[in-house]
Amino acid sequence: MIPGDLTDQATLLEEIHRDKAVKAVQAALRRDQIAPTGECRNCGEIVAPEVRFCNADCRDDYERQARMRRLSGT
């Protein structure tokens, strides 16, 4: 194998890992930017004004659905 090929492969692998890390951070930031509205963002139940979800199950369902939307491109 030519040394340049190893360098190119290492660079490509580094770019792939960096892109995945950036996307993970961006997704976390988007998730944290969901503004509280006084209603559960998943089921619509009335909650305290500073709360986004009525419970952990609704939060998990919302995040699971959001992840599926991102993966499907919708």
N, C-alpha and C. Protein backbone atom coordinates (compact mmCIF):
# COMPACT_ATOMS: atom_id res chain seq x y z
N MET A 1 0.85 -1.18 0.00
CA MET A 1 0.00 0.00 0.00
C MET A 1 0.89 1.24 0.00
N ILE A 2 0.52 2.22 -0.76
CA ILE A 2 1.29 3.45 -0.86
C ILE A 2 0.99 4.31 0.37
N PRO A 3 2.04 4.92 0.99
CA PRO A 3 1.82 5.73 2.20
C PRO A 3 0.76 6.82 2.02
N GLY A 4 0.68 7.42 0.86
CA GLY A 4 -0.34 8.45 0.62
C GLY A 4 -1.75 7.90 0.77
N ASP A 5 -1.93 6.64 0.37
CA ASP A 5 -3.24 6.01 0.49
C ASP A 5 -3.66 5.90 1.96
N LEU A 6 -2.72 5.54 2.82
CA LEU A 6 -3.02 5.45 4.25
C LEU A 6 -3.41 6.81 4.81
N THR A 7 -2.69 7.83 4.39
CA THR A 7 -3.00 9.18 4.85
C THR A 7 -4.38 9.60 4.38
N ASP A 8 -4.68 9.31 3.11
CA ASP A 8 -6.00 9.65 2.57
C ASP A 8 -7.11 8.92 3.31
N GLN A 9 -6.89 7.65 3.60
CA GLN A 9 -7.89 6.87 4.33
C GLN A 9 -8.08 7.40 5.74
N ALA A 10 -6.98 7.74 6.38
CA ALA A 10 -7.06 8.28 7.74
C ALA A 10 -7.80 9.61 7.75
N THR A 11 -7.52 10.45 6.76
CA THR A 11 -8.20 11.74 6.66
C THR A 11 -9.69 11.55 6.44
N LEU A 12 -10.05 10.64 5.55
CA LEU A 12 -11.46 10.36 5.28
C LEU A 12 -12.17 9.85 6.53
N LEU A 13 -11.53 8.93 7.23
CA LEU A 13 -12.12 8.39 8.46
C LEU A 13 -12.30 9.48 9.51
N GLU A 14 -11.32 10.35 9.63
CA GLU A 14 -11.41 11.47 10.57
C GLU A 14 -12.58 12.39 10.20
N GLU A 15 -12.74 12.68 8.92
CA GLU A 15 -13.85 13.53 8.47
C GLU A 15 -15.20 12.89 8.79
N ILE A 16 -15.29 11.60 8.57
CA ILE A 16 -16.55 10.89 8.85
C ILE A 16 -16.90 10.98 10.33
N HIS A 17 -15.92 10.71 11.19
CA HIS A 17 -16.16 10.78 12.64
C HIS A 17 -16.49 12.20 13.08
N ARG A 18 -15.80 13.18 12.53
CA ARG A 18 -16.06 14.57 12.90
C ARG A 18 -17.47 14.97 12.47
N ASP A 19 -17.87 14.59 11.25
CA ASP A 19 -19.21 14.92 10.77
C ASP A 19 -20.29 14.30 11.65
N LYS A 20 -20.08 13.05 12.06
CA LYS A 20 -21.05 12.40 12.95
C LYS A 20 -21.13 13.12 14.30
N ALA A 21 -19.98 13.52 14.82
CA ALA A 21 -19.96 14.22 16.11
C ALA A 21 -20.67 15.57 16.00
N VAL A 22 -20.42 16.29 14.92
CA VAL A 22 -21.07 17.59 14.72
C VAL A 22 -22.58 17.41 14.62
N LYS A 23 -23.02 16.41 13.87
CA LYS A 23 -24.46 16.17 13.73
C LYS A 23 -25.10 15.80 15.07
N ALA A 24 -24.39 15.04 15.88
CA ALA A 24 -24.92 14.67 17.20
C ALA A 24 -25.08 15.90 18.09
N VAL A 25 -24.10 16.79 18.06
CA VAL A 25 -24.18 18.02 18.86
C VAL A 25 -25.30 18.90 18.34
N GLN A 26 -25.41 19.04 17.02
CA GLN A 26 -26.48 19.85 16.45
C GLN A 26 -27.85 19.30 16.83
N ALA A 27 -28.01 18.00 16.81
CA ALA A 27 -29.28 17.39 17.20
C ALA A 27 -29.59 17.66 18.66
N ALA A 28 -28.58 17.58 19.51
CA ALA A 28 -28.78 17.86 20.93
C ALA A 28 -29.17 19.32 21.14
N LEU A 29 -28.56 20.21 20.39
CA LEU A 29 -28.90 21.63 20.51
C LEU A 29 -30.32 21.89 20.04
N ARG A 30 -30.72 21.27 18.94
CA ARG A 30 -32.10 21.44 18.45
C ARG A 30 -33.09 20.93 19.49
N ARG A 31 -32.78 19.79 20.09
CA ARG A 31 -33.67 19.21 21.09
C ARG A 31 -33.81 20.16 22.27
N ASP A 32 -32.71 20.79 22.67
CA ASP A 32 -32.74 21.72 23.80
C ASP A 32 -33.43 23.03 23.45
N GLN A 33 -33.62 23.32 22.18
CA GLN A 33 -34.22 24.58 21.77
C GLN A 33 -35.75 24.51 21.69
N ILE A 34 -36.33 23.38 22.01
CA ILE A 34 -37.78 23.26 22.01
C ILE A 34 -38.31 24.16 23.11
N ALA A 35 -39.03 25.18 22.74
CA ALA A 35 -39.51 26.16 23.71
C ALA A 35 -40.69 25.59 24.51
N PRO A 36 -40.68 25.80 25.82
CA PRO A 36 -41.84 25.40 26.62
C PRO A 36 -43.04 26.27 26.27
N THR A 37 -44.21 25.65 26.19
CA THR A 37 -45.42 26.38 25.79
C THR A 37 -46.54 26.28 26.81
N GLY A 38 -46.32 25.50 27.88
CA GLY A 38 -47.40 25.27 28.83
C GLY A 38 -48.21 24.03 28.47
N GLU A 39 -47.86 23.40 27.35
CA GLU A 39 -48.47 22.14 26.93
C GLU A 39 -47.36 21.13 26.68
N CYS A 40 -47.64 19.88 26.98
CA CYS A 40 -46.70 18.81 26.66
C CYS A 40 -46.50 18.79 25.15
N ARG A 41 -45.26 18.81 24.71
CA ARG A 41 -44.97 18.85 23.28
C ARG A 41 -45.33 17.55 22.59
N ASN A 42 -45.60 16.51 23.36
CA ASN A 42 -45.94 15.22 22.77
C ASN A 42 -47.44 14.97 22.77
N CYS A 43 -48.09 15.11 23.92
CA CYS A 43 -49.51 14.72 24.02
C CYS A 43 -50.46 15.90 24.16
N GLY A 44 -49.93 17.10 24.42
CA GLY A 44 -50.79 18.28 24.53
C GLY A 44 -51.36 18.54 25.91
N GLU A 45 -51.04 17.68 26.88
CA GLU A 45 -51.52 17.88 28.24
C GLU A 45 -50.97 19.20 28.81
N ILE A 46 -51.78 19.88 29.61
CA ILE A 46 -51.35 21.13 30.24
C ILE A 46 -50.27 20.83 31.27
N VAL A 47 -49.16 21.59 31.19
CA VAL A 47 -48.04 21.42 32.12
C VAL A 47 -47.62 22.80 32.62
N ALA A 48 -46.72 22.83 33.58
CA ALA A 48 -46.20 24.11 34.08
C ALA A 48 -45.56 24.89 32.92
N PRO A 49 -45.63 26.21 32.97
CA PRO A 49 -45.14 27.03 31.85
C PRO A 49 -43.68 26.78 31.46
N GLU A 50 -42.85 26.39 32.39
CA GLU A 50 -41.42 26.20 32.09
C GLU A 50 -41.09 24.76 31.67
N VAL A 51 -42.10 23.88 31.59
CA VAL A 51 -41.89 22.46 31.30
C VAL A 51 -42.27 22.16 29.86
N ARG A 52 -41.52 21.29 29.23
CA ARG A 52 -41.78 20.92 27.83
C ARG A 52 -42.64 19.67 27.70
N PHE A 53 -42.52 18.76 28.66
CA PHE A 53 -43.21 17.47 28.59
C PHE A 53 -43.84 17.15 29.93
N CYS A 54 -44.94 16.37 29.89
CA CYS A 54 -45.63 16.05 31.14
C CYS A 54 -44.90 14.98 31.94
N ASN A 55 -44.13 14.13 31.28
CA ASN A 55 -43.35 13.11 31.99
C ASN A 55 -42.24 12.58 31.08
N ALA A 56 -41.42 11.72 31.63
CA ALA A 56 -40.27 11.19 30.88
C ALA A 56 -40.71 10.34 29.70
N ASP A 57 -41.83 9.63 29.83
CA ASP A 57 -42.30 8.80 28.72
C ASP A 57 -42.67 9.66 27.52
N CYS A 58 -43.37 10.77 27.76
CA CYS A 58 -43.74 11.66 26.66
C CYS A 58 -42.49 12.28 26.04
N ARG A 59 -41.53 12.66 26.87
CA ARG A 59 -40.28 13.21 26.35
C ARG A 59 -39.58 12.18 25.46
N ASP A 60 -39.49 10.94 25.95
CA ASP A 60 -38.82 9.90 25.18
C ASP A 60 -39.56 9.61 23.88
N ASP A 61 -40.89 9.58 23.93
CA ASP A 61 -41.68 9.37 22.70
C ASP A 61 -41.44 10.49 21.70
N TYR A 62 -41.44 11.73 22.19
CA TYR A 62 -41.22 12.88 21.32
C TYR A 62 -39.85 12.80 20.66
N GLU A 63 -38.83 12.49 21.45
CA GLU A 63 -37.46 12.40 20.92
C GLU A 63 -37.33 11.25 19.94
N ARG A 64 -37.99 10.14 20.21
CA ARG A 64 -37.96 8.99 19.31
C ARG A 64 -38.61 9.36 17.97
N GLN A 65 -39.76 10.04 18.04
CA GLN A 65 -40.44 10.45 16.81
C GLN A 65 -39.61 11.48 16.04
N ALA A 66 -38.99 12.40 16.76
CA ALA A 66 -38.14 13.41 16.10
C ALA A 66 -36.96 12.74 15.42
N ARG A 67 -36.37 11.76 16.08
CA ARG A 67 -35.24 11.03 15.50
C ARG A 67 -35.68 10.29 14.23
N MET A 68 -36.86 9.69 14.26
CA MET A 68 -37.38 8.99 13.07
C MET A 68 -37.64 9.97 11.93
N ARG A 69 -38.16 11.17 12.27
CA ARG A 69 -38.38 12.19 11.23
C ARG A 69 -37.06 12.60 10.60
N ARG A 70 -36.03 12.79 11.44
CA ARG A 70 -34.71 13.18 10.91
C ARG A 70 -34.16 12.08 10.01
N LEU A 71 -34.28 10.83 10.44
CA LEU A 71 -33.74 9.72 9.65
C LEU A 71 -34.48 9.54 8.34
N SER A 72 -35.78 9.80 8.35
CA SER A 72 -36.57 9.63 7.13
C SER A 72 -36.54 10.87 6.24
N GLY A 73 -36.00 11.96 6.77
CA GLY A 73 -35.91 13.18 5.98
C GLY A 73 -37.20 13.97 5.90
N THR A 74 -38.13 13.71 6.81
CA THR A 74 -39.40 14.46 6.78
C THR A 74 -39.43 15.50 7.87
